């Protein structure tokens, strides 16, 4: 049996909208990824990410996370400044905000890439392959 490298990639999608969570999960599964975790806010995400044994390889981060907690920009800064073992994993901004300012703020916060909703599956495939290669 051949094992695809995607079988071992664990992706966390931090997204407050359940419909968007479902869509992203389906897109990732279509791309061959099997280990997908979902977090609905920054508190849920932090609880998973701060665990010493977490095996997250990539984070898809919604910018507009609601309270309680912080938004995606602030959570990214928190991750990058932490001593968590995921502090250097690739983070992809996932947002409906197509503005240059949103992209600039995302990258300045420490995100590696920026993709807008609705998600273009081919663009997502290319970004993931580039970040994981």
C-alpha atoms as a PDB file:
ATOM      1  CA  UNK A   1       0.000   0.000   0.000  1.00  0.00           C
ATOM      2  CA  UNK A   2       1.347   3.400  -1.031  1.00  0.00           C
ATOM      3  CA  UNK A   3       1.135   6.141   1.595  1.00  0.00           C
ATOM      4  CA  UNK A   4       0.528   9.625   0.246  1.00  0.00           C
ATOM      5  CA  UNK A   5       2.364  12.403   2.123  1.00  0.00           C
ATOM      6  CA  UNK A   6      -1.039  14.058   2.507  1.00  0.00           C
ATOM      7  CA  UNK A   7      -2.091  11.198   4.794  1.00  0.00           C
ATOM      8  CA  UNK A   8       0.288  12.553   7.439  1.00  0.00           C
ATOM      9  CA  UNK A   9      -0.503  16.257   7.058  1.00  0.00           C
ATOM     10  CA  UNK A  10      -2.728  17.643   9.806  1.00  0.00           C
ATOM     11  CA  UNK A  11      -4.568  20.852   8.878  1.00  0.00           C
ATOM     12  CA  UNK A  12      -6.370  23.072  11.370  1.00  0.00           C
ATOM     13  CA  UNK A  13      -9.125  25.300  10.014  1.00  0.00           C
ATOM     14  CA  UNK A  14      -9.945  28.157  12.393  1.00  0.00           C
ATOM     15  CA  UNK A  15     -13.298  29.419  11.137  1.00  0.00           C
ATOM     16  CA  UNK A  16     -16.331  30.628  13.081  1.00  0.00           C
ATOM     17  CA  UNK A  17     -18.952  29.929  10.399  1.00  0.00           C
ATOM     18  CA  UNK A  18     -20.033  26.263  10.390  1.00  0.00           C
ATOM     19  CA  UNK A  19     -20.985  26.345   6.698  1.00  0.00           C
ATOM     20  CA  UNK A  20     -17.532  27.683   5.801  1.00  0.00           C
ATOM     21  CA  UNK A  21     -15.949  24.996   8.009  1.00  0.00           C
ATOM     22  CA  UNK A  22     -17.873  22.333   6.075  1.00  0.00           C
ATOM     23  CA  UNK A  23     -16.928  23.793   2.682  1.00  0.00           C
ATOM     24  CA  UNK A  24     -13.228  24.057   3.587  1.00  0.00           C
ATOM     25  CA  UNK A  25     -13.199  20.519   4.993  1.00  0.00           C
ATOM     26  CA  UNK A  26     -14.772  19.154   1.786  1.00  0.00           C
ATOM     27  CA  UNK A  27     -12.273  21.075  -0.376  1.00  0.00           C
ATOM     28  CA  UNK A  28      -9.349  19.746   1.662  1.00  0.00           C
ATOM     29  CA  UNK A  29     -10.702  16.202   1.419  1.00  0.00           C
ATOM     30  CA  UNK A  30     -11.062  16.594  -2.366  1.00  0.00           C
ATOM     31  CA  UNK A  31      -7.385  17.581  -2.410  1.00  0.00           C
ATOM     32  CA  UNK A  32      -6.543  14.350  -0.572  1.00  0.00           C
ATOM     33  CA  UNK A  33      -6.017  15.618   2.963  1.00  0.00           C
ATOM     34  CA  UNK A  34      -7.487  13.378   5.644  1.00  0.00           C
ATOM     35  CA  UNK A  35      -6.434  14.842   9.010  1.00  0.00           C
ATOM     36  CA  UNK A  36      -8.502  18.005   9.357  1.00  0.00           C
ATOM     37  CA  UNK A  37      -9.375  19.660  12.648  1.00  0.00           C
ATOM     38  CA  UNK A  38     -11.835  22.507  13.074  1.00  0.00           C
ATOM     39  CA  UNK A  39     -11.925  25.315  15.633  1.00  0.00           C
ATOM     40  CA  UNK A  40     -14.752  27.829  15.841  1.00  0.00           C
ATOM     41  CA  UNK A  41     -12.866  30.582  17.655  1.00  0.00           C
ATOM     42  CA  UNK A  42      -9.446  31.583  18.925  1.00  0.00           C
ATOM     43  CA  UNK A  43     -10.001  30.005  22.336  1.00  0.00           C
ATOM     44  CA  UNK A  44     -10.734  26.582  20.806  1.00  0.00           C
ATOM     45  CA  UNK A  45      -7.780  26.967  18.432  1.00  0.00           C
ATOM     46  CA  UNK A  46      -5.383  28.018  21.195  1.00  0.00           C
ATOM     47  CA  UNK A  47      -6.394  25.043  23.334  1.00  0.00           C
ATOM     48  CA  UNK A  48      -5.403  22.709  20.492  1.00  0.00           C
ATOM     49  CA  UNK A  49      -2.294  24.590  19.373  1.00  0.00           C
ATOM     50  CA  UNK A  50      -0.710  25.005  22.810  1.00  0.00           C
ATOM     51  CA  UNK A  51      -0.648  21.261  23.483  1.00  0.00           C
ATOM     52  CA  UNK A  52       2.965  20.046  23.433  1.00  0.00           C
ATOM     53  CA  UNK A  53       1.985  16.956  21.427  1.00  0.00           C
ATOM     54  CA  UNK A  54      -0.089  18.731  18.768  1.00  0.00           C
ATOM     55  CA  UNK A  55       0.817  17.637  15.261  1.00  0.00           C
ATOM     56  CA  UNK A  56      -0.682  20.507  13.236  1.00  0.00           C
ATOM     57  CA  UNK A  57       1.257  21.133  10.004  1.00  0.00           C
ATOM     58  CA  UNK A  58      -0.787  23.995   8.485  1.00  0.00           C
ATOM     59  CA  UNK A  59      -3.356  26.465   9.806  1.00  0.00           C
ATOM     60  CA  UNK A  60      -6.125  28.038   7.737  1.00  0.00           C
ATOM     61  CA  UNK A  61      -7.012  31.183   9.697  1.00  0.00           C
ATOM     62  CA  UNK A  62     -10.197  33.193   9.304  1.00  0.00           C
ATOM     63  CA  UNK A  63      -9.423  36.859   9.922  1.00  0.00           C
ATOM     64  CA  UNK A  64     -12.821  37.805  11.322  1.00  0.00           C
ATOM     65  CA  UNK A  65     -13.067  35.533  14.329  1.00  0.00           C
ATOM     66  CA  UNK A  66     -15.677  36.741  16.811  1.00  0.00           C
ATOM     67  CA  UNK A  67     -15.434  37.193  20.554  1.00  0.00           C
ATOM     68  CA  UNK A  68     -14.749  35.464  22.866  1.00  0.00           C
ATOM     69  CA  UNK A  69     -11.059  35.639  22.242  1.00  0.00           C
ATOM     70  CA  UNK A  70      -9.160  37.472  19.552  1.00  0.00           C
ATOM     71  CA  UNK A  71      -9.423  37.770  15.775  1.00  0.00           C
ATOM     72  CA  UNK A  72      -7.269  35.850  13.293  1.00  0.00           C
ATOM     73  CA  UNK A  73      -4.608  38.557  13.055  1.00  0.00           C
ATOM     74  CA  UNK A  74      -4.164  38.667  16.834  1.00  0.00           C
ATOM     75  CA  UNK A  75      -4.201  34.870  17.131  1.00  0.00           C
ATOM     76  CA  UNK A  76      -1.499  34.640  14.471  1.00  0.00           C
ATOM     77  CA  UNK A  77       0.659  37.120  16.399  1.00  0.00           C
ATOM     78  CA  UNK A  78       0.060  35.080  19.570  1.00  0.00           C
ATOM     79  CA  UNK A  79       1.143  31.864  17.793  1.00  0.00           C
ATOM     80  CA  UNK A  80       4.270  33.458  16.305  1.00  0.00           C
ATOM     81  CA  UNK A  81       5.307  34.931  19.679  1.00  0.00           C
ATOM     82  CA  UNK A  82       4.567  31.746  21.624  1.00  0.00           C
ATOM     83  CA  UNK A  83       6.847  28.908  22.643  1.00  0.00           C
ATOM     84  CA  UNK A  84       4.371  26.387  21.208  1.00  0.00           C
ATOM     85  CA  UNK A  85       5.793  23.720  18.906  1.00  0.00           C
ATOM     86  CA  UNK A  86       3.530  25.075  16.118  1.00  0.00           C
ATOM     87  CA  UNK A  87       4.904  28.620  16.279  1.00  0.00           C
ATOM     88  CA  UNK A  88       6.539  28.253  12.845  1.00  0.00           C
ATOM     89  CA  UNK A  89       3.909  26.236  10.964  1.00  0.00           C
ATOM     90  CA  UNK A  90       2.526  27.864   7.829  1.00  0.00           C
ATOM     91  CA  UNK A  91      -0.580  29.971   8.403  1.00  0.00           C
ATOM     92  CA  UNK A  92      -2.871  30.820   5.506  1.00  0.00           C
ATOM     93  CA  UNK A  93      -5.258  33.760   5.884  1.00  0.00           C
ATOM     94  CA  UNK A  94      -8.784  32.732   4.931  1.00  0.00           C
ATOM     95  CA  UNK A  95     -11.077  35.714   4.489  1.00  0.00           C
ATOM     96  CA  UNK A  96     -13.897  37.327   2.606  1.00  0.00           C
ATOM     97  CA  UNK A  97     -12.003  40.626   2.802  1.00  0.00           C
ATOM     98  CA  UNK A  98     -10.149  41.088  -0.487  1.00  0.00           C
ATOM     99  CA  UNK A  99      -8.606  44.442   0.436  1.00  0.00           C
ATOM    100  CA  UNK A 100      -4.908  45.134   0.102  1.00  0.00           C
ATOM    101  CA  UNK A 101      -4.939  46.324   3.726  1.00  0.00           C
ATOM    102  CA  UNK A 102      -6.262  42.943   4.958  1.00  0.00           C
ATOM    103  CA  UNK A 103      -3.569  41.133   2.990  1.00  0.00           C
ATOM    104  CA  UNK A 104      -0.854  43.470   4.263  1.00  0.00           C
ATOM    105  CA  UNK A 105      -2.008  43.101   7.895  1.00  0.00           C
ATOM    106  CA  UNK A 106      -2.163  39.312   7.545  1.00  0.00           C
ATOM    107  CA  UNK A 107       1.350  39.003   6.185  1.00  0.00           C
ATOM    108  CA  UNK A 108       2.704  41.529   8.717  1.00  0.00           C
ATOM    109  CA  UNK A 109       1.165  39.452  11.537  1.00  0.00           C
ATOM    110  CA  UNK A 110       3.142  36.411  10.374  1.00  0.00           C
ATOM    111  CA  UNK A 111       0.816  34.636   7.972  1.00  0.00           C
ATOM    112  CA  UNK A 112       2.494  32.967   5.019  1.00  0.00           C
ATOM    113  CA  UNK A 113      -0.267  33.204   2.425  1.00  0.00           C
ATOM    114  CA  UNK A 114      -3.616  34.876   1.807  1.00  0.00           C
ATOM    115  CA  UNK A 115      -6.674  33.341   0.156  1.00  0.00           C
ATOM    116  CA  UNK A 116     -10.164  34.784  -0.170  1.00  0.00           C
ATOM    117  CA  UNK A 117     -13.577  33.204   0.181  1.00  0.00           C
ATOM    118  CA  UNK A 118     -15.159  31.663  -1.712  1.00  0.00           C
ATOM    119  CA  UNK A 119     -12.047  29.508  -1.828  1.00  0.00           C
ATOM    120  CA  UNK A 120     -10.628  28.662  -5.239  1.00  0.00           C
ATOM    121  CA  UNK A 121      -9.701  24.975  -4.817  1.00  0.00           C
ATOM    122  CA  UNK A 122      -6.897  25.138  -7.386  1.00  0.00           C
ATOM    123  CA  UNK A 123      -5.332  28.157  -5.685  1.00  0.00           C
ATOM    124  CA  UNK A 124      -5.606  26.372  -2.327  1.00  0.00           C
ATOM    125  CA  UNK A 125      -3.949  23.260  -3.805  1.00  0.00           C
ATOM    126  CA  UNK A 126      -1.025  25.298  -5.145  1.00  0.00           C
ATOM    127  CA  UNK A 127      -0.565  27.215  -1.884  1.00  0.00           C
ATOM    128  CA  UNK A 128      -0.612  24.025   0.208  1.00  0.00           C
ATOM    129  CA  UNK A 129       1.813  22.229  -2.102  1.00  0.00           C
ATOM    130  CA  UNK A 130       4.203  25.206  -2.057  1.00  0.00           C
ATOM    131  CA  UNK A 131       4.090  25.544   1.730  1.00  0.00           C
ATOM    132  CA  UNK A 132       4.444  21.819   2.392  1.00  0.00           C
ATOM    133  CA  UNK A 133       7.159  20.988  -0.150  1.00  0.00           C
END
